[in-house]
Amino acid sequence: MKKVEEIRKVLTFYTQANKLKTTIIDEINNYSVADHIFGSMMLAIAMDSEFKETDNIGKLLRMMILDDFSRLNPSYNIQDSLKKGKLYKDEIDEARLLQTKEAKLIFKYRMLDFSLTKLISEKGDSLEYSDLVNEGIKILNPKNSEEYSKYEEIFKFYYLNFRLKNKIRSAWDSNHWNINTERKERISEHIVGSIALAIAMDSEFDYNEKLNFDRNIEIDKIIKLLAIHEVGETLIGDITPFDGITSEQKKEVEHKAMIEVVGNLTDKKRLIEMLFDFDNQFTNESRFAYYCDKIEANLQSKLYQDSGLHHSLDDQNNNWAFRIPKIQQMLKNGAKTAFDIWYGWDINIFKDKHDFPEFADMMNIIKDNNLLTLNNRVIKQQVELSEKEYSFLIDKLGKIIKKLFDDEKVDCVYITNYQNQENDKGDICLVVLLNDNAYYFDYDLLLEKINKSFKEKNITDIIVNFGSDYASNYSLATLNPNDTHRFERLSESSIVFDKSGKTTETKNKMKKYSHSYPFHLIEYKPSVDEELKLKFKSKNN
């Protein structure tokens, strides 16, 4: 699986951006920073439809997210963390200096959303639509009746979409996955999360390769499309894949709702075309946006899982999803967590998509890693081995390691399975640790012969390599700066045998330290490491 580091950076950014959903900025109404961003976005899109206040609405929406992202994550160095970090840092600075047209518009939309939110909260069920219009025009001050009519359409669009701030994503409610927390994700927050994901992916992957038009995208179009892609849910609510409705049935009711919400905005034809394109995925932008929408739900599910907020699969009595035969089959096939169900349900959306293959790669990374610990710079991926591959590796490696174990000058052998950027099957690296009385050069020659012989007989696509070192190098100062890489590699390894026990002791010490170097690792299924460890378990101290 290629471009592992890029995916790690995207997921790290997304996980940090998730704070936009969980940081409450309006305690009275229980609204998050993301809710406020969403409200400001709806005003920006409606105002753009009527008055074309900016030449680049996508950039403006991105600046809204990046500005609040940086305020919530002051220790995250966006300039050094993402490929487009310098551009993003410049946009954050632009938003804060309030000197450009876009920055001033962002400020206006934010203040207007605060004011309208306060009014809606105070009036509650007694709110009249005219109250909303009158409050808005106090700030916007229309020059004539034509402008006044435009503002009426703007506030209608805003008010209908405002409902998404209060609508919990159905997937997390008591009839579905019943997330174990008082405050659950809102639809408005999902929208902001999907845009944050798109921003990071656009940064880390080259989507405008001159010779690959299947990947050419305009990110600002995608941002605008994602901002409006749930407008139909203001009227029909959030229909999940687990609710027993076909995609065709959902499209039919949702399209009617979309048309009603867009209303008589001047740019309604273009907005409706964008929404229908999102559902039909005719363009690169609509496909990319669709993938972001789908995978963002999986990301949120995994964050709930990694935070301990999903109920176990034995505690799903009221979950409508468990009525579905496909999910019952997943359980029979070994699904163990709620996220396993989400993964099994959605993975085929992304498989074999040659235009944007990184989405499928990302799904596997999400499945195999804890999203809350990605900042320790370790990413793991599972790789399935055929029975033939597995038997070959256990047999050949077992025989070699047995000879090494019988050698009194060999103290320890450990394995690290690396993800090779050029080889989907990865590398198995075996390190042979010698006693101080061993002559290093002799073992260097021995292992060179072993590597050559193994390569000639290897029936797998996995690169296998034996190397040697002295065990004493590991038992000295574990924080020696010159040895950082050596010790970090050991901390991510599996020790097959350790006669003296000193290497195991060093490894346990290293577990508490974060990593300075990125590690892209593989867990083979079935596990080669575990089987080899079992072979030598009775012989280990």
Protein backbone atom coordinates (compact mmCIF):
# COMPACT_ATOMS: atom_id res chain seq x y z
CA MET A 1 0.00 0.00 0.00
CA LYS A 2 1.61 3.20 -1.21
CA LYS A 3 1.67 6.74 0.22
CA VAL A 4 1.28 5.64 3.81
CA GLU A 5 2.83 8.80 5.26
CA GLU A 6 0.47 11.01 3.29
CA ILE A 7 -2.51 9.09 4.69
CA ARG A 8 -1.12 9.41 8.22
CA LYS A 9 -0.88 13.18 7.79
CA VAL A 10 -4.43 13.37 6.45
CA LEU A 11 -5.80 11.33 9.35
CA THR A 12 -3.82 13.31 11.91
CA PHE A 13 -5.24 16.57 10.52
CA TYR A 14 -8.76 15.15 10.44
CA THR A 15 -8.52 13.89 14.02
CA GLN A 16 -7.39 17.32 15.16
CA ALA A 17 -10.17 18.92 13.10
CA ASN A 18 -12.67 16.73 14.94
CA LYS A 19 -12.24 19.12 17.87
CA LEU A 20 -14.37 21.53 15.85
CA LYS A 21 -17.25 19.13 16.50
CA THR A 22 -16.59 18.52 20.18
CA THR A 23 -15.65 22.01 21.37
CA ILE A 24 -18.80 23.78 22.56
CA ILE A 25 -18.82 27.50 21.78
CA ASP A 26 -22.49 28.20 22.69
CA GLU A 27 -23.24 26.40 25.95
CA ILE A 28 -26.82 27.66 26.16
CA ASN A 29 -27.76 25.97 22.87
CA ASN A 30 -25.09 23.25 23.06
CA TYR A 31 -23.64 24.33 19.71
CA SER A 32 -20.07 23.50 18.74
CA VAL A 33 -17.49 25.47 16.80
CA ALA A 34 -18.42 23.33 13.77
CA ASP A 35 -22.09 24.27 14.17
CA HIS A 36 -21.14 27.93 14.04
CA ILE A 37 -18.89 27.39 11.01
CA PHE A 38 -21.76 25.61 9.27
CA GLY A 39 -24.20 28.45 9.91
CA SER A 40 -21.69 30.95 8.57
CA MET A 41 -21.16 28.76 5.50
CA MET A 42 -24.87 28.65 4.71
CA LEU A 43 -25.01 32.44 4.83
CA ALA A 44 -21.93 32.66 2.61
CA ILE A 45 -23.41 30.34 -0.02
CA ALA A 46 -26.79 32.08 -0.06
CA MET A 47 -25.17 35.54 -0.21
CA ASP A 48 -22.91 34.34 -3.01
CA SER A 49 -25.98 33.19 -4.93
CA GLU A 50 -27.66 36.57 -4.67
CA PHE A 51 -24.82 39.09 -4.68
CA LYS A 52 -21.61 37.33 -5.85
CA GLU A 53 -19.64 38.96 -3.06
CA THR A 54 -16.54 36.86 -3.75
CA ASP A 55 -14.88 35.31 -6.79
CA ASN A 56 -13.90 32.20 -4.84
CA ILE A 57 -16.52 30.91 -2.41
CA GLY A 58 -14.58 27.64 -1.95
CA LYS A 59 -11.51 29.46 -0.67
CA LEU A 60 -13.67 31.52 1.70
CA LEU A 61 -15.26 28.38 3.17
CA ARG A 62 -11.85 26.76 3.56
CA MET A 63 -10.52 29.85 5.38
CA MET A 64 -13.40 29.60 7.86
CA ILE A 65 -12.42 26.05 8.82
CA LEU A 66 -8.66 26.63 8.84
CA ASP A 67 -8.94 29.71 11.03
CA ASP A 68 -10.95 27.96 13.74
CA PHE A 69 -8.87 24.78 13.35
CA SER A 70 -5.69 26.71 14.16
CA ARG A 71 -7.28 28.37 17.20
CA LEU A 72 -8.27 24.98 18.64
CA ASN A 73 -4.90 23.36 17.82
CA PRO A 74 -2.23 25.97 18.65
CA SER A 75 0.51 23.34 18.90
CA TYR A 76 -0.24 21.91 15.43
CA ASN A 77 2.23 23.44 12.98
CA ILE A 78 0.15 23.39 9.81
CA GLN A 79 2.92 24.89 7.70
CA ASP A 80 5.30 22.01 8.45
CA SER A 81 2.68 19.26 8.76
CA LEU A 82 0.98 19.40 5.34
CA LYS A 83 2.33 19.83 1.83
CA LYS A 84 0.05 22.83 1.27
CA GLY A 85 0.66 24.02 4.80
CA LYS A 86 2.29 27.27 3.69
CA LEU A 87 -0.79 28.15 1.60
CA TYR A 88 -3.08 27.26 4.50
CA LYS A 89 -1.00 29.30 6.97
CA ASP A 90 -1.26 32.29 4.62
CA GLU A 91 -5.05 31.85 4.44
CA ILE A 92 -5.28 31.68 8.24
CA ASP A 93 -3.27 34.90 8.52
CA GLU A 94 -5.46 36.50 5.84
CA ALA A 95 -8.62 35.63 7.77
CA ARG A 96 -7.26 37.17 10.97
CA LEU A 97 -5.86 40.38 9.54
CA LEU A 98 -9.29 41.37 8.18
CA GLN A 99 -7.76 43.31 5.31
CA THR A 100 -9.00 41.42 2.24
CA LYS A 101 -12.53 41.22 0.89
CA GLU A 102 -12.84 37.50 1.78
CA ALA A 103 -11.64 38.05 5.35
CA LYS A 104 -14.15 40.85 5.90
CA LEU A 105 -16.93 38.69 4.47
CA ILE A 106 -16.04 35.85 6.84
CA PHE A 107 -16.27 38.25 9.77
CA LYS A 108 -19.66 39.48 8.54
CA TYR A 109 -21.09 35.98 8.12
CA ARG A 110 -19.83 34.94 11.56
CA MET A 111 -21.39 37.92 13.29
CA LEU A 112 -24.65 37.42 11.40
CA ASP A 113 -24.80 33.74 12.36
CA PHE A 114 -24.22 34.61 16.03
CA SER A 115 -26.98 37.22 15.91
CA LEU A 116 -29.50 35.00 14.13
CA THR A 117 -28.69 32.00 16.33
CA LYS A 118 -29.35 34.15 19.42
CA LEU A 119 -32.69 35.28 18.00
CA ILE A 120 -33.79 31.73 17.09
CA SER A 121 -32.81 30.53 20.56
CA GLU A 122 -34.65 33.30 22.37
CA LYS A 123 -37.85 33.12 20.29
CA GLY A 124 -38.03 29.33 20.12
CA ASP A 125 -41.36 28.07 18.77
CA SER A 126 -42.77 31.60 18.74
CA LEU A 127 -40.28 32.71 16.08
CA GLU A 128 -41.91 34.20 12.99
CA TYR A 129 -40.04 34.13 9.71
CA SER A 130 -40.42 37.90 9.53
CA ASP A 131 -38.51 38.18 12.84
CA LEU A 132 -35.51 36.51 11.20
CA VAL A 133 -35.64 38.77 8.16
CA ASN A 134 -35.99 41.91 10.27
CA GLU A 135 -33.02 40.93 12.44
CA GLY A 136 -30.86 40.18 9.41
CA ILE A 137 -31.59 43.39 7.54
CA LYS A 138 -30.57 45.42 10.58
CA ILE A 139 -27.04 44.24 9.84
CA LEU A 140 -27.20 44.02 6.03
CA ASN A 141 -29.25 47.16 5.37
CA PRO A 142 -30.85 46.52 1.92
CA LYS A 143 -30.82 49.48 -0.46
CA ASN A 144 -34.14 48.76 -2.21
CA SER A 145 -37.06 46.34 -2.45
CA GLU A 146 -35.18 44.06 -4.86
CA GLU A 147 -32.39 43.58 -2.35
CA TYR A 148 -34.96 43.07 0.40
CA SER A 149 -36.51 40.21 -1.64
CA LYS A 150 -33.10 38.65 -2.08
CA TYR A 151 -32.48 38.77 1.66
CA GLU A 152 -35.79 37.03 2.23
CA GLU A 153 -34.56 34.11 0.11
CA ILE A 154 -31.18 34.15 1.87
CA PHE A 155 -32.73 33.91 5.31
CA LYS A 156 -35.19 31.24 4.22
CA PHE A 157 -32.26 29.10 2.97
CA TYR A 158 -30.33 29.82 6.17
CA TYR A 159 -33.25 29.07 8.48
CA LEU A 160 -34.08 25.75 6.83
CA ASN A 161 -30.44 24.66 6.98
CA PHE A 162 -30.16 25.90 10.56
CA ARG A 163 -32.16 22.80 11.50
CA LEU A 164 -29.09 20.69 10.74
CA LYS A 165 -27.43 22.20 13.81
CA ASN A 166 -30.05 20.43 15.91
CA LYS A 167 -30.35 17.15 14.02
CA ILE A 168 -28.27 14.32 15.46
CA ARG A 169 -26.77 12.01 12.87
CA SER A 170 -29.22 9.10 12.87
CA ALA A 171 -26.42 6.55 12.88
CA TRP A 172 -25.58 7.49 16.48
CA ASP A 173 -29.09 7.63 17.95
CA SER A 174 -30.83 5.08 20.21
CA ASN A 175 -32.32 3.22 17.23
CA HIS A 176 -28.94 2.68 15.63
CA TRP A 177 -25.46 2.56 17.19
CA ASN A 178 -26.53 4.41 20.35
CA ILE A 179 -23.23 6.13 21.04
CA ASN A 180 -22.46 6.18 24.75
CA THR A 181 -22.21 9.95 25.21
CA GLU A 182 -24.70 12.70 25.97
CA ARG A 183 -23.74 14.85 23.01
CA LYS A 184 -23.68 13.13 19.65
CA GLU A 185 -22.53 14.40 16.28
CA ARG A 186 -24.94 16.70 14.42
CA ILE A 187 -25.46 16.71 10.64
CA SER A 188 -23.94 20.21 10.47
CA GLU A 189 -20.79 18.88 12.16
CA HIS A 190 -20.53 15.97 9.73
CA ILE A 191 -20.55 18.50 6.87
CA VAL A 192 -17.68 20.46 8.39
CA GLY A 193 -15.78 17.22 9.04
CA SER A 194 -16.15 16.08 5.41
CA ILE A 195 -14.79 19.44 4.19
CA ALA A 196 -11.84 19.28 6.61
CA LEU A 197 -11.04 15.81 5.24
CA ALA A 198 -11.20 17.08 1.65
CA ILE A 199 -8.87 19.97 2.49
CA ALA A 200 -6.24 17.62 3.93
CA MET A 201 -6.50 15.14 1.06
CA ASP A 202 -6.14 17.88 -1.52
CA SER A 203 -2.97 18.92 0.28
CA GLU A 204 -1.30 15.52 0.45
CA PHE A 205 -2.21 13.90 -2.89
CA ASP A 206 -1.48 15.13 -6.40
CA TYR A 207 -4.95 15.35 -7.91
CA ASN A 208 -3.97 17.42 -10.90
CA GLU A 209 -1.38 15.27 -12.61
CA LYS A 210 -0.99 16.46 -16.19
CA LEU A 211 -1.16 12.96 -17.63
CA ASN A 212 -4.01 11.63 -15.47
CA PHE A 213 -7.24 13.49 -16.15
CA ASP A 214 -9.21 10.93 -14.13
CA ARG A 215 -7.77 12.60 -11.02
CA ASN A 216 -8.06 16.26 -12.00
CA ILE A 217 -10.25 18.09 -9.49
CA GLU A 218 -11.05 21.64 -8.44
CA ILE A 219 -11.00 21.54 -4.66
CA ASP A 220 -12.99 24.75 -4.26
CA LYS A 221 -15.90 23.20 -6.18
CA ILE A 222 -15.71 20.17 -3.90
CA ILE A 223 -15.75 22.31 -0.77
CA LYS A 224 -18.88 24.13 -1.93
CA LEU A 225 -20.53 20.86 -2.94
CA LEU A 226 -19.80 19.26 0.43
CA ALA A 227 -21.13 22.35 2.21
CA ILE A 228 -24.56 21.90 0.60
CA HIS A 229 -24.70 18.14 0.08
CA GLU A 230 -27.05 17.50 3.03
CA VAL A 231 -29.58 20.30 2.41
CA GLY A 232 -32.31 17.76 1.69
CA GLU A 233 -31.95 16.39 5.22
CA THR A 234 -33.32 19.65 6.63
CA LEU A 235 -36.76 18.35 5.62
CA ILE A 236 -36.47 14.55 5.49
CA GLY A 237 -33.92 13.93 8.23
CA ASP A 238 -30.85 11.70 8.12
CA ILE A 239 -31.58 8.39 6.39
CA THR A 240 -28.77 5.92 7.08
CA PRO A 241 -27.65 2.94 4.96
CA PHE A 242 -29.03 0.73 7.75
CA ASP A 243 -32.64 1.94 7.47
CA GLY A 244 -33.78 -0.48 4.77
CA ILE A 245 -34.39 2.16 2.09
CA THR A 246 -32.84 1.77 -1.35
CA SER A 247 -30.53 4.42 -2.77
CA GLU A 248 -33.12 5.10 -5.51
CA GLN A 249 -35.88 5.67 -2.96
CA LYS A 250 -33.65 7.96 -0.94
CA LYS A 251 -32.73 9.98 -4.04
CA GLU A 252 -36.38 10.48 -4.93
CA VAL A 253 -37.43 11.97 -1.59
CA GLU A 254 -34.17 13.83 -1.10
CA HIS A 255 -34.26 15.51 -4.51
CA LYS A 256 -37.72 16.92 -3.81
CA ALA A 257 -36.49 18.24 -0.48
CA MET A 258 -33.37 19.77 -2.08
CA ILE A 259 -35.48 21.74 -4.56
CA GLU A 260 -37.70 23.06 -1.78
CA VAL A 261 -34.76 24.13 0.43
CA VAL A 262 -32.93 25.92 -2.40
CA GLY A 263 -36.16 27.83 -3.00
CA ASN A 264 -35.89 30.85 -5.28
CA LEU A 265 -32.26 31.71 -4.79
CA THR A 266 -30.91 33.35 -7.94
CA ASP A 267 -28.36 30.58 -8.40
CA LYS A 268 -30.87 27.80 -7.67
CA LYS A 269 -30.43 26.04 -11.02
CA ARG A 270 -26.69 25.70 -10.53
CA LEU A 271 -27.06 24.60 -6.92
CA ILE A 272 -29.60 21.91 -7.83
CA GLU A 273 -27.39 20.71 -10.68
CA MET A 274 -24.51 20.36 -8.20
CA LEU A 275 -26.67 18.40 -5.76
CA PHE A 276 -27.98 16.04 -8.43
CA ASP A 277 -24.44 15.58 -9.75
CA PHE A 278 -23.33 14.62 -6.23
CA ASP A 279 -25.87 11.82 -6.19
CA ASN A 280 -25.08 10.64 -9.73
CA GLN A 281 -21.28 11.13 -9.53
CA PHE A 282 -20.84 12.23 -13.13
CA THR A 283 -17.77 14.41 -12.51
CA ASN A 284 -14.44 13.97 -10.75
CA GLU A 285 -15.51 16.53 -8.17
CA SER A 286 -18.80 14.81 -7.39
CA ARG A 287 -17.13 11.40 -7.03
CA PHE A 288 -14.42 12.81 -4.78
CA ALA A 289 -17.00 14.65 -2.65
CA TYR A 290 -19.14 11.49 -2.42
CA TYR A 291 -16.14 9.47 -1.21
CA CYS A 292 -15.32 12.15 1.39
CA ASP A 293 -18.92 12.08 2.63
CA LYS A 294 -18.94 8.29 2.98
CA ILE A 295 -15.51 7.85 4.52
CA GLU A 296 -16.10 10.68 7.01
CA ALA A 297 -18.88 8.63 8.60
CA ASN A 298 -16.44 5.74 8.95
CA LEU A 299 -13.87 8.05 10.50
CA GLN A 300 -16.37 9.30 13.06
CA SER A 301 -17.40 5.73 13.85
CA LYS A 302 -13.75 4.77 14.39
CA LEU A 303 -13.15 7.79 16.62
CA TYR A 304 -16.14 6.72 18.71
CA GLN A 305 -14.72 3.19 18.80
CA ASP A 306 -11.22 4.34 19.77
CA SER A 307 -12.71 6.61 22.46
CA GLY A 308 -14.64 3.69 23.98
CA LEU A 309 -18.05 5.17 23.10
CA HIS A 310 -19.41 2.35 20.93
CA HIS A 311 -21.41 -0.33 22.69
CA SER A 312 -20.22 -3.90 22.24
CA LEU A 313 -21.91 -6.03 19.60
CA ASP A 314 -23.56 -7.97 22.44
CA ASP A 315 -25.28 -4.78 23.58
CA GLN A 316 -27.26 -3.79 20.46
CA ASN A 317 -30.83 -4.78 21.35
CA ASN A 318 -32.47 -1.69 19.83
CA ASN A 319 -30.22 -1.38 16.80
CA TRP A 320 -32.30 -1.50 13.63
CA ALA A 321 -29.18 -2.36 11.66
CA PHE A 322 -29.08 -5.83 13.18
CA ARG A 323 -32.28 -6.73 11.36
CA ILE A 324 -30.39 -6.66 8.08
CA PRO A 325 -29.25 -10.10 6.79
CA LYS A 326 -25.99 -8.63 5.46
CA ILE A 327 -25.02 -7.51 8.96
CA GLN A 328 -26.00 -10.85 10.45
CA GLN A 329 -23.65 -12.44 7.94
CA MET A 330 -20.86 -10.05 8.98
CA LEU A 331 -21.30 -11.23 12.55
CA LYS A 332 -21.05 -14.85 11.44
CA ASN A 333 -17.92 -13.95 9.47
CA GLY A 334 -16.19 -12.63 12.58
CA ALA A 335 -17.06 -8.94 12.98
CA LYS A 336 -16.10 -8.04 16.55
CA THR A 337 -16.75 -4.30 16.87
CA ALA A 338 -19.23 -1.73 15.65
CA PHE A 339 -16.57 -0.32 13.37
CA ASP A 340 -16.05 -3.77 11.83
CA ILE A 341 -19.67 -3.50 10.67
CA TRP A 342 -19.15 -0.03 9.25
CA TYR A 343 -16.00 -1.15 7.46
CA GLY A 344 -17.63 -4.27 6.02
CA TRP A 345 -20.63 -2.26 4.85
CA ASP A 346 -18.72 0.52 3.08
CA ILE A 347 -15.40 -0.92 1.91
CA ASN A 348 -16.81 -1.94 -1.49
CA ILE A 349 -17.65 1.72 -2.20
CA PHE A 350 -13.93 2.42 -2.41
CA LYS A 351 -12.47 -0.85 -3.70
CA ASP A 352 -11.01 -0.88 -7.21
CA LYS A 353 -11.58 2.86 -7.71
CA HIS A 354 -8.64 3.65 -9.97
CA ASP A 355 -9.34 7.38 -10.05
CA PHE A 356 -8.97 7.84 -6.27
CA PRO A 357 -7.44 4.61 -4.87
CA GLU A 358 -6.21 6.32 -1.69
CA PHE A 359 -9.73 6.15 -0.23
CA ALA A 360 -9.58 2.34 -0.12
CA ASP A 361 -6.07 2.52 1.31
CA MET A 362 -7.30 4.94 3.94
CA MET A 363 -10.17 2.62 4.92
CA ASN A 364 -7.63 -0.10 5.69
CA ILE A 365 -5.44 2.27 7.68
CA ILE A 366 -8.50 3.43 9.66
CA LYS A 367 -9.41 -0.19 10.40
CA ASP A 368 -5.96 -1.20 11.59
CA ASN A 369 -4.98 1.81 13.72
CA ASN A 370 -6.11 3.83 16.70
CA LEU A 371 -6.87 7.30 15.33
CA LEU A 372 -6.20 8.88 18.72
CA THR A 373 -2.55 7.81 18.72
CA LEU A 374 -1.52 8.60 15.15
CA ASN A 375 0.70 11.41 16.38
CA ASN A 376 3.16 8.82 17.67
CA ARG A 377 4.05 8.39 13.99
CA VAL A 378 3.24 4.69 13.77
CA ILE A 379 0.83 3.36 11.16
CA LYS A 380 -0.05 -0.30 10.77
CA GLN A 381 -1.82 -2.15 8.00
CA GLN A 382 -3.01 -5.74 7.82
CA VAL A 383 -1.93 -7.85 4.86
CA GLU A 384 -3.60 -11.16 4.16
CA LEU A 385 -1.36 -14.13 3.41
CA SER A 386 -2.44 -17.11 1.39
CA GLU A 387 -2.10 -20.51 2.98
CA LYS A 388 0.80 -21.25 0.64
CA GLU A 389 2.62 -18.01 1.50
CA TYR A 390 2.09 -18.49 5.23
CA SER A 391 3.30 -22.12 5.24
CA PHE A 392 6.37 -21.23 3.21
CA LEU A 393 7.39 -18.38 5.54
CA ILE A 394 6.83 -20.38 8.74
CA ASP A 395 8.76 -23.36 7.40
CA LYS A 396 11.75 -21.52 5.93
CA LEU A 397 12.09 -18.85 8.61
CA GLY A 398 11.55 -21.41 11.37
CA LYS A 399 14.45 -23.54 10.14
CA ILE A 400 16.82 -20.57 9.87
CA ILE A 401 15.87 -19.21 13.29
CA LYS A 402 16.27 -22.69 14.85
CA LYS A 403 19.92 -22.76 13.71
CA LEU A 404 20.46 -19.29 15.09
CA PHE A 405 18.89 -20.29 18.41
CA ASP A 406 21.25 -23.25 18.70
CA ASP A 407 24.23 -20.92 18.18
CA GLU A 408 25.55 -19.98 21.63
CA LYS A 409 26.86 -16.65 20.30
CA VAL A 410 23.35 -15.51 19.25
CA ASP A 411 21.37 -13.98 22.12
CA CYS A 412 18.19 -12.73 20.47
CA VAL A 413 16.21 -12.54 17.22
CA TYR A 414 13.45 -10.00 16.67
CA ILE A 415 11.21 -9.21 13.70
CA THR A 416 9.90 -5.92 12.37
CA ASN A 417 7.41 -5.97 9.49
CA TYR A 418 7.78 -2.77 7.47
CA GLN A 419 5.36 -1.32 4.99
CA ASN A 420 7.37 -0.81 1.82
CA GLN A 421 6.19 2.17 -0.25
CA GLU A 422 7.03 0.27 -3.43
CA ASN A 423 5.79 -3.15 -2.42
CA ASP A 424 2.24 -3.81 -1.19
CA LYS A 425 3.29 -7.00 0.60
CA GLY A 426 5.98 -5.25 2.64
CA ASP A 427 9.30 -6.34 4.16
CA ILE A 428 10.06 -8.80 6.96
CA CYS A 429 13.24 -7.63 8.70
CA LEU A 430 14.86 -10.05 11.15
CA VAL A 431 17.58 -8.69 13.43
CA VAL A 432 20.05 -11.16 14.95
CA LEU A 433 21.58 -9.84 18.18
CA LEU A 434 24.99 -11.27 19.06
CA ASN A 435 26.90 -11.71 22.29
CA ASP A 436 29.98 -9.57 22.75
CA ASN A 437 32.29 -12.52 22.11
CA ALA A 438 30.88 -13.05 18.58
CA TYR A 439 32.87 -11.83 15.61
CA TYR A 440 30.52 -9.48 13.73
CA PHE A 441 32.17 -9.97 10.33
CA ASP A 442 31.58 -13.76 10.41
CA TYR A 443 27.84 -13.27 10.99
CA ASP A 444 27.67 -10.54 8.41
CA LEU A 445 28.90 -13.05 5.82
CA LEU A 446 26.61 -15.80 7.16
CA LEU A 447 23.50 -13.65 6.98
CA GLU A 448 24.45 -12.42 3.52
CA LYS A 449 24.43 -16.05 2.35
CA ILE A 450 21.11 -16.68 4.10
CA ASN A 451 19.55 -13.64 2.44
CA LYS A 452 20.78 -14.66 -0.99
CA SER A 453 19.51 -18.23 -0.59
CA PHE A 454 16.13 -17.08 0.74
CA LYS A 455 15.68 -14.66 -2.14
CA GLU A 456 16.30 -17.40 -4.69
CA LYS A 457 13.71 -19.70 -3.07
CA ASN A 458 11.16 -17.06 -2.05
CA ILE A 459 7.71 -17.82 -3.51
CA THR A 460 6.11 -14.71 -1.97
CA ASP A 461 6.22 -11.03 -2.93
CA ILE A 462 7.47 -10.20 0.56
CA ILE A 463 11.06 -9.00 0.87
CA VAL A 464 12.82 -10.92 3.67
CA ASN A 465 16.10 -9.72 5.09
CA PHE A 466 18.33 -10.81 8.00
CA GLY A 467 20.71 -8.34 9.64
CA SER A 468 22.96 -8.47 12.70
CA ASP A 469 23.87 -6.26 15.65
CA TYR A 470 25.28 -6.65 19.16
CA ALA A 471 22.81 -7.19 21.99
CA SER A 472 24.91 -4.91 24.22
CA ASN A 473 24.16 -1.99 21.89
CA TYR A 474 20.54 -2.22 23.03
CA SER A 475 21.15 -2.62 26.74
CA LEU A 476 23.28 0.52 27.09
CA ALA A 477 21.77 4.01 27.27
CA THR A 478 18.30 3.67 25.79
CA LEU A 479 18.09 7.40 25.22
CA ASN A 480 21.40 7.81 23.42
CA PRO A 481 20.50 10.22 20.58
CA ASN A 482 22.68 8.28 18.17
CA ASP A 483 20.70 5.12 18.85
CA THR A 484 17.17 6.56 18.66
CA HIS A 485 16.26 4.79 15.44
CA ARG A 486 17.58 1.45 16.67
CA PHE A 487 15.55 1.54 19.87
CA GLU A 488 12.40 2.82 18.20
CA ARG A 489 12.57 -0.06 15.73
CA LEU A 490 12.89 -2.51 18.63
CA SER A 491 9.84 -1.03 20.36
CA GLU A 492 7.68 -1.88 17.31
CA SER A 493 9.08 -5.39 16.91
CA SER A 494 8.16 -8.93 17.90
CA ILE A 495 10.90 -10.77 19.80
CA VAL A 496 11.09 -14.40 18.63
CA PHE A 497 13.54 -15.45 21.33
CA ASP A 498 15.68 -13.64 23.89
CA LYS A 499 18.04 -15.90 25.82
CA SER A 500 19.30 -13.32 28.31
CA GLY A 501 16.04 -11.36 28.56
CA LYS A 502 17.93 -8.05 28.31
CA THR A 503 16.49 -7.07 24.91
CA THR A 504 12.94 -7.69 26.15
CA GLU A 505 13.67 -5.45 29.14
CA THR A 506 14.94 -2.69 26.83
CA LYS A 507 11.88 -3.02 24.58
CA ASN A 508 9.53 -2.62 27.55
CA LYS A 509 11.33 0.58 28.54
CA MET A 510 10.95 1.99 25.05
CA LYS A 511 7.16 1.54 24.98
CA LYS A 512 6.57 4.70 27.03
CA TYR A 513 8.37 6.98 24.57
CA SER A 514 6.85 8.65 21.53
CA HIS A 515 8.54 8.23 18.18
CA SER A 516 10.84 10.63 16.40
CA TYR A 517 10.73 8.65 13.18
CA PRO A 518 7.68 7.57 11.15
CA PHE A 519 7.05 3.82 11.12
CA HIS A 520 4.91 2.17 8.46
CA LEU A 521 4.28 -1.33 9.70
CA ILE A 522 2.43 -4.46 8.62
CA GLU A 523 0.51 -7.05 10.61
CA TYR A 524 0.39 -10.23 8.57
CA LYS A 525 -2.75 -12.35 8.79
CA PRO A 526 -2.23 -15.12 9.82
CA SER A 527 0.56 -13.72 12.01
CA VAL A 528 4.00 -14.95 11.05
CA ASP A 529 5.50 -13.36 14.15
CA GLU A 530 3.17 -15.07 16.61
CA GLU A 531 3.63 -18.51 15.08
CA LEU A 532 7.42 -18.19 15.15
CA LYS A 533 7.30 -16.96 18.76
CA LEU A 534 5.22 -20.01 19.70
CA LYS A 535 7.83 -22.31 18.18
CA PHE A 536 10.46 -20.91 20.53
CA LYS A 537 8.28 -20.06 23.53
CA SER A 538 9.35 -23.03 25.64
CA LYS A 539 13.00 -22.26 24.89
CA ASN A 540 12.84 -18.58 25.87
CA ASN A 541 13.72 -17.41 29.37
